């Protein structure tokens, strides 16, 4: 009977440790998702700026050269 109680106590201790680990991992995953969302938003902003800059440079190259050329 004592052996059974010892085994049960070990299982309970392991379970509590796993609960703590899962809670920590959940917090880390949540923080990483927030960072990923922010990085995706920043990437879209940069991509929009690059496209805008490319379009502006295309507009400048499509203009005829000045008369002194």
Protein backbone atom coordinates (compact mmCIF):
# COMPACT_ATOMS: atom_id res chain seq x y z
CA UNK A 1 0.00 0.00 0.00
CA UNK A 2 2.85 2.34 0.83
CA UNK A 3 4.41 1.63 -2.59
CA UNK A 4 1.14 2.59 -4.28
CA UNK A 5 1.01 5.88 -2.37
CA UNK A 6 4.61 6.64 -3.31
CA UNK A 7 3.89 5.96 -6.96
CA UNK A 8 0.76 8.10 -6.84
CA UNK A 9 2.68 10.96 -5.20
CA UNK A 10 5.40 10.75 -7.87
CA UNK A 11 2.74 10.89 -10.59
CA UNK A 12 1.11 13.91 -8.97
CA UNK A 13 4.47 15.69 -8.74
CA UNK A 14 5.19 14.91 -12.40
CA UNK A 15 1.74 16.14 -13.38
CA UNK A 16 2.21 19.42 -11.51
CA UNK A 17 5.57 19.92 -13.20
CA UNK A 18 4.01 19.27 -16.59
CA UNK A 19 1.22 21.75 -15.86
CA UNK A 20 3.83 24.39 -15.04
CA UNK A 21 5.79 23.59 -18.20
CA UNK A 22 2.67 23.76 -20.36
CA UNK A 23 1.71 27.10 -18.80
CA UNK A 24 5.18 28.49 -19.49
CA UNK A 25 5.13 27.22 -23.07
CA UNK A 26 1.67 28.66 -23.61
CA UNK A 27 2.89 32.08 -22.45
CA UNK A 28 5.92 31.89 -24.75
CA UNK A 29 3.83 30.85 -27.75
CA UNK A 30 1.42 33.71 -27.08
CA UNK A 31 4.28 36.24 -26.88
CA UNK A 32 5.81 34.86 -30.07
CA UNK A 33 2.49 35.14 -31.88
CA UNK A 34 2.22 38.79 -30.86
CA UNK A 35 5.73 39.40 -32.23
CA UNK A 36 4.93 37.51 -35.45
CA UNK A 37 1.79 39.59 -35.96
CA UNK A 38 3.79 42.80 -35.44
CA UNK A 39 6.53 41.66 -37.83
CA UNK A 40 3.97 40.72 -40.49
CA UNK A 41 2.40 44.16 -40.18
CA UNK A 42 5.82 45.83 -40.48
CA UNK A 43 6.71 43.66 -43.47
CA UNK A 44 3.52 44.68 -45.26
CA UNK A 45 4.30 48.34 -44.58
CA UNK A 46 7.82 47.94 -45.97
CA UNK A 47 6.49 46.08 -49.02
CA UNK A 48 4.00 48.89 -49.68
CA UNK A 49 6.79 51.48 -49.43
CA UNK A 50 8.97 49.51 -51.85
CA UNK A 51 6.14 49.18 -54.36
CA UNK A 52 5.40 52.89 -54.03
CA UNK A 53 9.07 53.76 -54.54
CA UNK A 54 9.28 51.46 -57.57
CA UNK A 55 6.19 53.06 -59.09
CA UNK A 56 7.59 56.54 -58.50
CA UNK A 57 10.91 55.62 -60.10
CA UNK A 58 9.07 54.13 -63.10
CA UNK A 59 7.11 57.35 -63.48
CA UNK A 60 10.35 59.33 -63.48
CA UNK A 61 11.96 57.09 -66.12
CA UNK A 62 8.93 57.32 -68.41
CA UNK A 63 9.23 61.11 -68.62
CA UNK A 64 10.87 62.43 -71.77
CA UNK A 65 14.36 63.82 -71.29
CA UNK A 66 14.74 67.57 -70.84
CA UNK A 67 15.25 69.62 -74.00
CA UNK A 68 18.98 70.14 -73.47
CA UNK A 69 19.70 66.40 -74.01
